[in-house]
Amino acid sequence: MQAITPGITTAIGKCVGIYSKRMSAMKCYYGLTLSNAGVTDNGLDRMAHLQDSVIHNTVDKKLTDLANRYDELLKKWDQQLVEYGIVIDNVDIMTRPRRQKEGKSNVMHHMIQGIAVQERVSTAPQEIQQTMSVEDVKPEDIYPTEAEHQQLRDKMVSEVIRIWSNLPALKEVPVTLRPETHTHTAEMTRKSEYVSEPILHYIQTSIIGFF
């Protein structure tokens, strides 16, 4: 049953879309999926004629709406002075023509995508009161103390036990793990909020289109 569920869902969505043009969420989803896969406007219109998608104009409008709303949360963070970081990575895709010939060969599309991630713990610099001059600091003042060495050893033991407890051969061995807690445990246990930025084309030898 699980294997045929997607097909049944597709059939129901298609029937509902035929019954009412306003109930086209499923066809719009398929149109966005096909557009993302590289289907041309003509192909989308042909699929729409078969009630399997919406026309390319509707797909373009939906993409525009999504692009206009993607950064609403980001703007809200700016207004509330919420700290966030932006992570950027390459998204390179090669398109291969079905029949290669002169002037029509493989093309590498260099793109980037960024993700804005809200900081769960504030990274703003804290005001620090200077207690002594840098010239007066001795090397032994910054060496780890014996208590800190013991804390590191205890943490290493906990990590080793945690790894061993996941090994099948040691599943039957009773293990008691002490919960690891720190100042920001509560903040770090919740999921990060993030905003996916749109994919941009860029030239590797230039910063145009990168920022």
N, C-alpha and C. Protein backbone atom coordinates (compact mmCIF):
# COMPACT_ATOMS: atom_id res chain seq x y z
N MET A 1 0.82 -1.20 0.00
CA MET A 1 0.00 0.00 0.00
C MET A 1 0.86 1.26 0.00
N GLN A 2 1.94 1.22 0.77
CA GLN A 2 2.81 2.39 0.87
C GLN A 2 3.44 2.72 -0.48
N ALA A 3 3.69 1.69 -1.29
CA ALA A 3 4.35 1.92 -2.58
C ALA A 3 3.43 2.63 -3.57
N ILE A 4 2.11 2.41 -3.46
CA ILE A 4 1.19 3.01 -4.43
C ILE A 4 0.52 4.28 -3.89
N THR A 5 0.84 4.66 -2.65
CA THR A 5 0.23 5.86 -2.07
C THR A 5 0.51 7.11 -2.90
N PRO A 6 1.76 7.36 -3.36
CA PRO A 6 1.99 8.56 -4.19
C PRO A 6 1.13 8.58 -5.44
N GLY A 7 0.97 7.42 -6.09
CA GLY A 7 0.14 7.38 -7.28
C GLY A 7 -1.32 7.67 -6.99
N ILE A 8 -1.82 7.13 -5.86
CA ILE A 8 -3.21 7.39 -5.48
C ILE A 8 -3.40 8.88 -5.17
N THR A 9 -2.44 9.46 -4.46
CA THR A 9 -2.52 10.89 -4.13
C THR A 9 -2.52 11.74 -5.39
N THR A 10 -1.67 11.35 -6.36
CA THR A 10 -1.62 12.08 -7.62
C THR A 10 -2.95 12.01 -8.36
N ALA A 11 -3.55 10.82 -8.39
CA ALA A 11 -4.83 10.64 -9.08
C ALA A 11 -5.93 11.46 -8.42
N ILE A 12 -5.96 11.47 -7.10
CA ILE A 12 -6.98 12.25 -6.38
C ILE A 12 -6.79 13.74 -6.65
N GLY A 13 -5.52 14.19 -6.58
CA GLY A 13 -5.25 15.60 -6.84
C GLY A 13 -5.64 16.00 -8.26
N LYS A 14 -5.42 15.11 -9.21
CA LYS A 14 -5.78 15.39 -10.60
C LYS A 14 -7.29 15.50 -10.76
N CYS A 15 -8.02 14.59 -10.14
CA CYS A 15 -9.49 14.61 -10.22
C CYS A 15 -10.05 15.87 -9.57
N VAL A 16 -9.49 16.25 -8.42
CA VAL A 16 -9.96 17.45 -7.73
C VAL A 16 -9.68 18.69 -8.58
N GLY A 17 -8.49 18.71 -9.24
CA GLY A 17 -8.16 19.85 -10.10
C GLY A 17 -9.07 19.97 -11.30
N ILE A 18 -9.50 18.84 -11.85
CA ILE A 18 -10.43 18.87 -12.98
C ILE A 18 -11.79 19.38 -12.52
N TYR A 19 -12.18 19.01 -11.31
CA TYR A 19 -13.49 19.41 -10.78
C TYR A 19 -13.56 20.91 -10.53
N SER A 20 -12.46 21.50 -10.03
CA SER A 20 -12.44 22.93 -9.74
C SER A 20 -11.06 23.50 -10.06
N LYS A 21 -11.03 24.54 -10.90
CA LYS A 21 -9.76 25.15 -11.26
C LYS A 21 -9.09 25.82 -10.07
N ARG A 22 -9.87 26.21 -9.07
CA ARG A 22 -9.30 26.87 -7.89
C ARG A 22 -8.55 25.89 -6.99
N MET A 23 -8.86 24.62 -7.11
CA MET A 23 -8.20 23.61 -6.27
C MET A 23 -7.04 23.00 -7.05
N SER A 24 -6.00 23.81 -7.23
CA SER A 24 -4.89 23.41 -8.10
C SER A 24 -3.57 23.33 -7.34
N ALA A 25 -3.62 23.13 -6.03
CA ALA A 25 -2.39 23.10 -5.25
C ALA A 25 -1.48 21.96 -5.70
N MET A 26 -2.07 20.79 -5.97
CA MET A 26 -1.27 19.64 -6.38
C MET A 26 -0.63 19.89 -7.74
N LYS A 27 -1.40 20.46 -8.68
CA LYS A 27 -0.85 20.74 -10.01
C LYS A 27 0.21 21.83 -9.93
N CYS A 28 0.02 22.78 -9.05
CA CYS A 28 1.02 23.84 -8.88
C CYS A 28 2.32 23.25 -8.32
N TYR A 29 2.17 22.32 -7.38
CA TYR A 29 3.36 21.65 -6.81
C TYR A 29 4.11 20.89 -7.90
N TYR A 30 3.37 20.18 -8.75
CA TYR A 30 4.02 19.44 -9.83
C TYR A 30 4.67 20.40 -10.82
N GLY A 31 4.02 21.53 -11.09
CA GLY A 31 4.59 22.50 -12.01
C GLY A 31 5.90 23.06 -11.50
N LEU A 32 5.96 23.36 -10.20
CA LEU A 32 7.20 23.85 -9.61
C LEU A 32 8.29 22.79 -9.66
N THR A 33 7.90 21.53 -9.41
CA THR A 33 8.86 20.43 -9.45
C THR A 33 9.41 20.24 -10.85
N LEU A 34 8.53 20.27 -11.85
CA LEU A 34 8.96 20.10 -13.23
C LEU A 34 9.84 21.26 -13.68
N SER A 35 9.46 22.48 -13.27
CA SER A 35 10.27 23.64 -13.63
C SER A 35 11.66 23.55 -13.02
N ASN A 36 11.73 23.09 -11.78
CA ASN A 36 13.03 22.94 -11.12
C ASN A 36 13.87 21.87 -11.81
N ALA A 37 13.20 20.88 -12.43
CA ALA A 37 13.92 19.81 -13.12
C ALA A 37 14.37 20.22 -14.52
N GLY A 38 13.97 21.43 -14.97
CA GLY A 38 14.43 21.91 -16.26
C GLY A 38 13.42 21.80 -17.39
N VAL A 39 12.16 21.48 -17.09
CA VAL A 39 11.14 21.39 -18.14
C VAL A 39 10.87 22.78 -18.70
N THR A 40 10.78 22.89 -20.01
CA THR A 40 10.59 24.18 -20.67
C THR A 40 9.15 24.68 -20.49
N ASP A 41 8.93 25.95 -20.87
CA ASP A 41 7.58 26.52 -20.79
C ASP A 41 6.61 25.73 -21.66
N ASN A 42 7.07 25.33 -22.85
CA ASN A 42 6.22 24.54 -23.75
C ASN A 42 5.86 23.21 -23.12
N GLY A 43 6.86 22.60 -22.44
CA GLY A 43 6.58 21.33 -21.77
C GLY A 43 5.59 21.48 -20.64
N LEU A 44 5.69 22.57 -19.86
CA LEU A 44 4.74 22.82 -18.77
C LEU A 44 3.33 23.02 -19.33
N ASP A 45 3.21 23.73 -20.45
CA ASP A 45 1.89 23.95 -21.04
C ASP A 45 1.29 22.65 -21.55
N ARG A 46 2.12 21.78 -22.09
CA ARG A 46 1.62 20.47 -22.54
C ARG A 46 1.14 19.64 -21.36
N MET A 47 1.91 19.67 -20.25
CA MET A 47 1.49 18.93 -19.06
C MET A 47 0.22 19.52 -18.47
N ALA A 48 0.06 20.84 -18.58
CA ALA A 48 -1.16 21.49 -18.08
C ALA A 48 -2.38 21.05 -18.90
N HIS A 49 -2.18 20.86 -20.21
CA HIS A 49 -3.27 20.39 -21.06
C HIS A 49 -3.74 19.00 -20.64
N LEU A 50 -2.81 18.21 -20.06
CA LEU A 50 -3.16 16.87 -19.57
C LEU A 50 -3.59 16.88 -18.11
N GLN A 51 -3.77 18.09 -17.54
CA GLN A 51 -4.18 18.25 -16.14
C GLN A 51 -3.14 17.73 -15.16
N ASP A 52 -1.88 17.67 -15.59
CA ASP A 52 -0.81 17.20 -14.71
C ASP A 52 0.01 18.35 -14.14
N SER A 53 -0.27 19.58 -14.56
CA SER A 53 0.49 20.72 -14.09
C SER A 53 -0.32 21.98 -14.36
N VAL A 54 0.21 23.12 -13.93
CA VAL A 54 -0.36 24.40 -14.30
C VAL A 54 0.48 24.98 -15.43
N ILE A 55 -0.03 25.99 -16.10
CA ILE A 55 0.70 26.56 -17.23
C ILE A 55 1.93 27.31 -16.71
N HIS A 56 2.86 27.59 -17.63
CA HIS A 56 4.13 28.17 -17.20
C HIS A 56 3.96 29.56 -16.60
N ASN A 57 2.92 30.31 -17.04
CA ASN A 57 2.69 31.63 -16.45
C ASN A 57 2.36 31.53 -14.96
N THR A 58 1.57 30.53 -14.60
CA THR A 58 1.22 30.32 -13.19
C THR A 58 2.45 29.91 -12.39
N VAL A 59 3.29 29.07 -12.98
CA VAL A 59 4.53 28.66 -12.31
C VAL A 59 5.43 29.87 -12.06
N ASP A 60 5.56 30.74 -13.09
CA ASP A 60 6.39 31.94 -12.94
C ASP A 60 5.84 32.86 -11.86
N LYS A 61 4.52 33.00 -11.80
CA LYS A 61 3.90 33.86 -10.78
C LYS A 61 4.14 33.29 -9.38
N LYS A 62 4.01 31.97 -9.25
CA LYS A 62 4.24 31.34 -7.95
C LYS A 62 5.69 31.49 -7.52
N LEU A 63 6.62 31.33 -8.46
CA LEU A 63 8.04 31.51 -8.12
C LEU A 63 8.32 32.95 -7.69
N THR A 64 7.66 33.92 -8.34
CA THR A 64 7.84 35.32 -7.96
C THR A 64 7.29 35.57 -6.55
N ASP A 65 6.12 34.99 -6.26
CA ASP A 65 5.54 35.15 -4.92
C ASP A 65 6.45 34.55 -3.85
N LEU A 66 7.00 33.37 -4.14
CA LEU A 66 7.90 32.74 -3.19
C LEU A 66 9.15 33.57 -2.98
N ALA A 67 9.67 34.16 -4.07
CA ALA A 67 10.88 34.97 -3.96
C ALA A 67 10.62 36.24 -3.16
N ASN A 68 9.40 36.80 -3.27
CA ASN A 68 9.09 38.03 -2.53
C ASN A 68 8.88 37.76 -1.05
N ARG A 69 8.54 36.52 -0.69
CA ARG A 69 8.26 36.21 0.71
C ARG A 69 9.40 35.49 1.43
N TYR A 70 10.43 35.09 0.68
CA TYR A 70 11.44 34.23 1.30
C TYR A 70 12.19 34.94 2.42
N ASP A 71 12.35 36.28 2.28
CA ASP A 71 13.17 36.99 3.25
C ASP A 71 12.36 37.77 4.27
N GLU A 72 11.05 37.47 4.40
CA GLU A 72 10.23 38.17 5.40
C GLU A 72 10.78 37.94 6.80
N LEU A 73 11.15 36.70 7.11
CA LEU A 73 11.69 36.39 8.43
C LEU A 73 13.01 37.10 8.64
N LEU A 74 13.82 37.18 7.57
CA LEU A 74 15.11 37.85 7.67
C LEU A 74 14.92 39.34 7.97
N LYS A 75 13.96 39.97 7.32
CA LYS A 75 13.67 41.38 7.59
C LYS A 75 13.17 41.56 9.02
N LYS A 76 12.39 40.60 9.51
CA LYS A 76 11.91 40.66 10.88
C LYS A 76 13.07 40.57 11.86
N TRP A 77 14.06 39.70 11.57
CA TRP A 77 15.24 39.60 12.42
C TRP A 77 15.99 40.93 12.46
N ASP A 78 16.10 41.59 11.30
CA ASP A 78 16.81 42.87 11.25
C ASP A 78 16.10 43.92 12.09
N GLN A 79 14.77 43.92 12.02
CA GLN A 79 14.01 44.90 12.79
C GLN A 79 14.14 44.66 14.30
N GLN A 80 14.21 43.38 14.68
CA GLN A 80 14.31 43.02 16.10
C GLN A 80 15.75 42.91 16.57
N LEU A 81 16.71 43.25 15.69
CA LEU A 81 18.14 43.18 16.01
C LEU A 81 18.54 41.78 16.46
N VAL A 82 17.98 40.77 15.79
CA VAL A 82 18.33 39.38 16.08
C VAL A 82 19.64 39.04 15.38
N GLU A 83 20.54 38.38 16.07
CA GLU A 83 21.82 38.01 15.48
C GLU A 83 21.65 36.77 14.60
N TYR A 84 22.29 36.78 13.44
CA TYR A 84 22.27 35.62 12.56
C TYR A 84 23.54 35.62 11.71
N GLY A 85 23.87 34.45 11.23
CA GLY A 85 25.02 34.28 10.35
C GLY A 85 24.57 33.74 9.01
N ILE A 86 25.36 33.99 7.96
CA ILE A 86 25.03 33.53 6.62
C ILE A 86 26.10 32.54 6.16
N VAL A 87 25.65 31.35 5.77
CA VAL A 87 26.53 30.30 5.26
C VAL A 87 26.29 30.18 3.76
N ILE A 88 27.36 30.22 2.97
CA ILE A 88 27.26 30.17 1.51
C ILE A 88 28.07 28.99 0.98
N ASP A 89 27.50 28.28 0.01
CA ASP A 89 28.21 27.14 -0.59
C ASP A 89 27.90 27.08 -2.07
N ASN A 90 28.77 26.38 -2.80
CA ASN A 90 28.59 26.23 -4.25
C ASN A 90 27.48 25.24 -4.57
N VAL A 91 26.76 25.52 -5.64
CA VAL A 91 25.76 24.60 -6.18
C VAL A 91 26.02 24.53 -7.68
N ASP A 92 26.88 23.61 -8.11
CA ASP A 92 27.25 23.49 -9.52
C ASP A 92 26.46 22.36 -10.18
N ILE A 93 25.86 22.66 -11.31
CA ILE A 93 25.07 21.68 -12.05
C ILE A 93 25.52 21.67 -13.51
N MET A 94 25.72 20.48 -14.05
CA MET A 94 26.10 20.35 -15.46
C MET A 94 24.91 19.85 -16.27
N THR A 95 24.62 20.54 -17.35
CA THR A 95 23.58 20.09 -18.27
C THR A 95 24.23 19.44 -19.48
N ARG A 96 23.74 18.27 -19.84
CA ARG A 96 24.30 17.50 -20.96
C ARG A 96 23.23 17.36 -22.05
N PRO A 97 23.48 17.89 -23.24
CA PRO A 97 22.50 17.74 -24.32
C PRO A 97 22.36 16.28 -24.74
N ARG A 98 21.19 15.94 -25.19
CA ARG A 98 20.96 14.55 -25.60
C ARG A 98 21.82 14.18 -26.80
N ARG A 99 21.98 15.13 -27.70
CA ARG A 99 22.84 14.89 -28.88
C ARG A 99 23.83 16.04 -28.96
N GLN A 100 25.09 15.75 -28.67
CA GLN A 100 26.11 16.78 -28.70
C GLN A 100 26.55 17.05 -30.14
N LYS A 101 26.80 18.33 -30.40
CA LYS A 101 27.32 18.74 -31.70
C LYS A 101 28.04 20.06 -31.51
N GLU A 102 28.63 20.56 -32.57
CA GLU A 102 29.37 21.81 -32.48
C GLU A 102 28.45 22.94 -32.04
N GLY A 103 28.87 23.64 -31.00
CA GLY A 103 28.06 24.73 -30.46
C GLY A 103 27.01 24.28 -29.47
N LYS A 104 26.92 22.97 -29.23
CA LYS A 104 25.94 22.46 -28.27
C LYS A 104 26.57 21.29 -27.51
N SER A 105 27.29 21.63 -26.45
CA SER A 105 27.99 20.62 -25.66
C SER A 105 27.61 20.77 -24.19
N ASN A 106 28.32 20.04 -23.34
CA ASN A 106 28.04 20.12 -21.92
C ASN A 106 28.29 21.53 -21.40
N VAL A 107 27.43 21.97 -20.50
CA VAL A 107 27.55 23.31 -19.92
C VAL A 107 27.52 23.19 -18.40
N MET A 108 28.51 23.77 -17.75
CA MET A 108 28.56 23.78 -16.29
C MET A 108 27.99 25.11 -15.79
N HIS A 109 26.96 25.03 -14.98
CA HIS A 109 26.33 26.22 -14.41
C HIS A 109 26.86 26.40 -12.98
N HIS A 110 27.60 27.47 -12.77
CA HIS A 110 28.15 27.76 -11.45
C HIS A 110 27.16 28.65 -10.69
N MET A 111 26.69 28.14 -9.57
CA MET A 111 25.71 28.86 -8.77
C MET A 111 26.11 28.78 -7.29
N ILE A 112 25.50 29.64 -6.51
CA ILE A 112 25.72 29.61 -5.07
C ILE A 112 24.36 29.72 -4.37
N GLN A 113 24.30 29.20 -3.16
CA GLN A 113 23.11 29.36 -2.33
C GLN A 113 23.56 29.65 -0.91
N GLY A 114 22.88 30.56 -0.28
CA GLY A 114 23.19 30.91 1.10
C GLY A 114 22.05 30.58 2.03
N ILE A 115 22.37 30.36 3.28
CA ILE A 115 21.37 30.11 4.31
C ILE A 115 21.67 31.03 5.49
N ALA A 116 20.68 31.82 5.88
CA ALA A 116 20.81 32.68 7.05
C ALA A 116 20.30 31.91 8.27
N VAL A 117 21.17 31.70 9.24
CA VAL A 117 20.83 30.90 10.43
C VAL A 117 20.86 31.80 11.66
N GLN A 118 19.77 31.77 12.41
CA GLN A 118 19.69 32.59 13.62
C GLN A 118 20.62 32.03 14.69
N GLU A 119 21.33 32.92 15.36
CA GLU A 119 22.21 32.52 16.45
C GLU A 119 21.37 32.17 17.67
N ARG A 120 21.50 30.93 18.13
CA ARG A 120 20.76 30.53 19.33
C ARG A 120 21.35 31.15 20.58
N VAL A 121 22.64 31.40 20.57
CA VAL A 121 23.33 32.02 21.69
C VAL A 121 23.97 33.31 21.19
N SER A 122 23.78 34.39 21.91
CA SER A 122 24.30 35.68 21.49
C SER A 122 25.82 35.63 21.39
N THR A 123 26.31 36.16 20.27
CA THR A 123 27.77 36.23 20.07
C THR A 123 28.28 37.66 20.17
N ALA A 124 27.41 38.57 20.66
CA ALA A 124 27.82 39.96 20.79
C ALA A 124 28.94 40.05 21.83
N PRO A 125 29.95 40.86 21.57
CA PRO A 125 31.06 40.98 22.53
C PRO A 125 30.58 41.54 23.86
N GLN A 126 30.97 40.87 24.93
CA GLN A 126 30.59 41.29 26.27
C GLN A 126 31.61 42.30 26.80
N GLU A 127 31.09 43.21 27.59
CA GLU A 127 31.98 44.20 28.19
C GLU A 127 32.84 43.53 29.26
N ILE A 128 34.13 43.60 29.10
CA ILE A 128 35.07 42.94 30.01
C ILE A 128 35.86 44.00 30.77
N GLN A 129 35.88 43.85 32.06
CA GLN A 129 36.64 44.78 32.88
C GLN A 129 38.08 44.30 32.97
N GLN A 130 38.99 45.17 32.60
CA GLN A 130 40.40 44.81 32.62
C GLN A 130 40.90 44.78 34.06
N THR A 131 41.50 43.65 34.44
CA THR A 131 41.99 43.49 35.81
C THR A 131 43.49 43.68 35.91
N MET A 132 44.18 43.51 34.79
CA MET A 132 45.62 43.71 34.82
C MET A 132 46.12 44.04 33.42
N SER A 133 47.31 44.54 33.34
CA SER A 133 47.90 44.86 32.05
C SER A 133 48.38 43.60 31.36
N VAL A 134 48.40 43.61 30.03
CA VAL A 134 48.86 42.45 29.27
C VAL A 134 50.31 42.14 29.60
N GLU A 135 51.11 43.17 29.84
CA GLU A 135 52.53 42.94 30.15
C GLU A 135 52.71 42.17 31.45
N ASP A 136 51.71 42.24 32.34
CA ASP A 136 51.83 41.57 33.64
C ASP A 136 51.35 40.12 33.62
N VAL A 137 50.79 39.67 32.47
CA VAL A 137 50.27 38.30 32.39
C VAL A 137 51.43 37.33 32.20
N LYS A 138 51.49 36.31 33.05
CA LYS A 138 52.54 35.30 32.97
C LYS A 138 52.01 34.06 32.26
N PRO A 139 52.88 33.27 31.62
CA PRO A 139 52.42 32.06 30.93
C PRO A 139 51.63 31.12 31.83
N GLU A 140 52.06 30.96 33.08
CA GLU A 140 51.37 30.03 33.98
C GLU A 140 49.97 30.52 34.33
N ASP A 141 49.68 31.81 34.09
CA ASP A 141 48.35 32.32 34.40
C ASP A 141 47.31 31.82 33.40
N ILE A 142 47.74 31.42 32.21
CA ILE A 142 46.79 30.97 31.18
C ILE A 142 46.85 29.46 30.96
N TYR A 143 47.74 28.76 31.68
CA TYR A 143 47.78 27.31 31.56
C TYR A 143 46.54 26.70 32.20
N PRO A 144 46.03 25.57 31.67
CA PRO A 144 44.90 24.90 32.31
C PRO A 144 45.27 24.44 33.73
N THR A 145 44.33 24.62 34.62
CA THR A 145 44.55 24.19 36.00
C THR A 145 44.31 22.69 36.10
N GLU A 146 44.65 22.11 37.25
CA GLU A 146 44.42 20.68 37.47
C GLU A 146 42.94 20.35 37.42
N ALA A 147 42.12 21.26 37.94
CA ALA A 147 40.67 21.04 37.91
C ALA A 147 40.16 21.00 36.47
N GLU A 148 40.69 21.87 35.62
CA GLU A 148 40.28 21.88 34.22
C GLU A 148 40.76 20.64 33.49
N HIS A 149 41.96 20.15 33.83
CA HIS A 149 42.44 18.89 33.27
C HIS A 149 41.51 17.74 33.65
N GLN A 150 41.09 17.70 34.89
CA GLN A 150 40.20 16.64 35.36
C GLN A 150 38.84 16.73 34.66
N GLN A 151 38.37 17.95 34.44
CA GLN A 151 37.10 18.14 33.75
C GLN A 151 37.18 17.62 32.31
N LEU A 152 38.31 17.87 31.66
CA LEU A 152 38.49 17.37 30.29
C LEU A 152 38.56 15.86 30.25
N ARG A 153 39.24 15.25 31.24
CA ARG A 153 39.33 13.79 31.30
C ARG A 153 37.95 13.18 31.52
N ASP A 154 37.16 13.76 32.42
CA ASP A 154 35.81 13.25 32.68
C ASP A 154 34.94 13.34 31.42
N LYS A 155 35.08 14.44 30.70
CA LYS A 155 34.28 14.60 29.49
C LYS A 155 34.71 13.60 28.42
N MET A 156 36.01 13.33 28.31
CA MET A 156 36.49 12.35 27.35
C MET A 156 35.95 10.96 27.68
N VAL A 157 35.94 10.61 28.96
CA VAL A 157 35.40 9.30 29.39
C VAL A 157 33.93 9.19 28.99
N SER A 158 33.17 10.28 29.20
CA SER A 158 31.75 10.25 28.86
C SER A 158 31.55 10.08 27.36
N GLU A 159 32.39 10.75 26.55
CA GLU A 159 32.27 10.64 25.10
C GLU A 159 32.59 9.24 24.62
N VAL A 160 33.63 8.62 25.21
CA VAL A 160 34.01 7.25 24.82
C VAL A 160 32.89 6.28 25.18
N ILE A 161 32.32 6.43 26.38
CA ILE A 161 31.22 5.55 26.79
C ILE A 161 30.02 5.74 25.88
N ARG A 162 29.75 6.99 25.50
CA ARG A 162 28.61 7.28 24.62
C ARG A 162 28.79 6.59 23.26
N ILE A 163 30.01 6.60 22.74
CA ILE A 163 30.27 5.95 21.46
C ILE A 163 30.18 4.43 21.60
N TRP A 164 30.78 3.89 22.66
CA TRP A 164 30.75 2.45 22.87
C TRP A 164 29.32 1.94 23.04
N SER A 165 28.46 2.74 23.68
CA SER A 165 27.10 2.28 23.95
C SER A 165 26.30 2.08 22.66
N ASN A 166 26.77 2.65 21.54
CA ASN A 166 26.08 2.48 20.26
C ASN A 166 26.59 1.29 19.45
N LEU A 167 27.65 0.64 19.94
CA LEU A 167 28.18 -0.53 19.24
C LEU A 167 27.30 -1.74 19.51
N PRO A 168 26.93 -2.50 18.47
CA PRO A 168 26.05 -3.67 18.67
C PRO A 168 26.60 -4.66 19.68
N ALA A 169 27.92 -4.87 19.70
CA ALA A 169 28.50 -5.86 20.60
C ALA A 169 28.40 -5.45 22.06
N LEU A 170 28.20 -4.15 22.31
CA LEU A 170 28.15 -3.66 23.69
C LEU A 170 26.75 -3.17 24.08
N LYS A 171 25.75 -3.55 23.31
CA LYS A 171 24.40 -3.10 23.59
C LYS A 171 23.89 -3.64 24.93
N GLU A 172 24.32 -4.84 25.30
CA GLU A 172 23.83 -5.48 26.52
C GLU A 172 24.55 -4.99 27.77
N VAL A 173 25.64 -4.25 27.59
CA VAL A 173 26.39 -3.78 28.76
C VAL A 173 25.69 -2.57 29.36
N PRO A 174 25.31 -2.64 30.64
CA PRO A 174 24.63 -1.50 31.25
C PRO A 174 25.57 -0.29 31.34
N VAL A 175 25.09 0.84 30.85
CA VAL A 175 25.90 2.06 30.82
C VAL A 175 25.09 3.19 31.45
N THR A 176 25.72 3.91 32.32
CA THR A 176 25.10 5.08 32.93
C THR A 176 25.84 6.32 32.48
N LEU A 177 25.15 7.15 31.75
CA LEU A 177 25.75 8.36 31.23
C LEU A 177 25.26 9.57 32.01
N ARG A 178 26.18 10.39 32.40
CA ARG A 178 25.81 11.62 33.07
C ARG A 178 25.44 12.66 32.01
N PRO A 179 24.29 13.31 32.16
CA PRO A 179 23.91 14.32 31.16
C PRO A 179 24.90 15.47 31.12
N GLU A 180 25.30 15.82 29.90
CA GLU A 180 26.22 16.93 29.73
C GLU A 180 25.43 18.24 29.73
N THR A 181 25.74 19.10 30.65
CA THR A 181 25.06 20.39 30.74
C THR A 181 26.09 21.51 30.77
N HIS A 182 25.68 22.66 30.26
CA HIS A 182 26.53 23.85 30.34
C HIS A 182 25.61 25.06 30.40
N THR A 183 26.17 26.22 30.34
CA THR A 183 25.41 27.45 30.54
C THR A 183 24.30 27.61 29.50
N HIS A 184 24.55 27.17 28.27
CA HIS A 184 23.59 27.38 27.19
C HIS A 184 22.95 26.08 26.73
N THR A 185 22.81 25.11 27.62
CA THR A 185 22.22 23.82 27.25
C THR A 185 20.81 23.99 26.71
N ALA A 186 19.99 24.79 27.38
CA ALA A 186 18.59 24.97 26.96
C ALA A 186 18.49 25.57 25.57
N GLU A 187 19.34 26.56 25.28
CA GLU A 187 19.29 27.20 23.96
C GLU A 187 19.77 26.26 22.86
N MET A 188 20.79 25.44 23.16
CA MET A 188 21.39 24.59 22.13
C MET A 188 20.56 23.35 21.83
N THR A 189 19.57 23.02 22.69
CA THR A 189 18.76 21.83 22.44
C THR A 189 17.63 22.10 21.45
N ARG A 190 17.28 23.35 21.22
CA ARG A 190 16.22 23.65 20.25
C ARG A 190 16.81 23.82 18.86
N LYS A 191 15.99 23.58 17.85
CA LYS A 191 16.44 23.67 16.48
C LYS A 191 16.66 25.12 16.07
N SER A 192 17.60 25.31 15.18
CA SER A 192 17.90 26.65 14.69
C SER A 192 16.85 27.09 13.67
N GLU A 193 16.48 28.36 13.71
CA GLU A 193 15.65 28.93 12.66
C GLU A 193 16.54 29.39 11.52
N TYR A 194 16.12 29.15 10.30
CA TYR A 194 16.96 29.54 9.17
C TYR A 194 16.09 30.02 8.01
N VAL A 195 16.71 30.77 7.14
CA VAL A 195 16.06 31.27 5.93
C VAL A 195 16.93 30.89 4.75
N SER A 196 16.37 30.13 3.81
CA SER A 196 17.12 29.74 2.61
C SER A 196 17.04 30.86 1.59
N GLU A 197 18.19 31.33 1.18
CA GLU A 197 18.24 32.40 0.18
C GLU A 197 18.19 31.80 -1.22
N PRO A 198 17.76 32.57 -2.22
CA PRO A 198 17.64 32.02 -3.58
C PRO A 198 19.00 31.67 -4.17
N ILE A 199 18.99 30.73 -5.10
CA ILE A 199 20.22 30.32 -5.78
C ILE A 199 20.59 31.39 -6.81
N LEU A 200 21.85 31.78 -6.82
CA LEU A 200 22.33 32.83 -7.72
C LEU A 200 23.40 32.27 -8.64
N HIS A 201 23.41 32.73 -9.89
CA HIS A 201 24.48 32.40 -10.83
C HIS A 201 25.65 33.34 -10.59
N TYR A 202 26.84 32.84 -10.76
CA TYR A 202 28.02 33.70 -10.60
C TYR A 202 29.15 33.17 -11.47
N ILE A 203 30.11 34.05 -11.75
CA ILE A 203 31.30 33.70 -12.51
C ILE A 203 32.43 33.46 -11.53
N GLN A 204 33.12 32.34 -11.65
CA GLN A 204 34.13 31.98 -10.66
C GLN A 204 35.28 32.97 -10.61
N THR A 205 35.56 33.65 -11.71
CA THR A 205 36.68 34.59 -11.73
C THR A 205 36.25 36.01 -11.38
N SER A 206 35.03 36.17 -10.93
CA SER A 206 34.52 37.50 -10.62
C SER A 206 33.61 37.43 -9.41
N ILE A 207 33.47 38.53 -8.69
CA ILE A 207 32.55 38.58 -7.53
C ILE A 207 31.18 39.09 -7.96
N ILE A 208 31.00 39.39 -9.25
CA ILE A 208 29.71 39.88 -9.74
C ILE A 208 28.67 38.79 -9.57
N GLY A 209 27.57 39.12 -8.94
CA GLY A 209 26.51 38.15 -8.69
C GLY A 209 26.74 37.33 -7.46
N PHE A 210 27.89 37.51 -6.79
CA PHE A 210 28.17 36.71 -5.59
C PHE A 210 27.56 37.36 -4.36
N PHE A 211 27.68 38.70 -4.25
CA PHE A 211 27.11 39.41 -3.11
C PHE A 211 25.97 40.29 -3.60
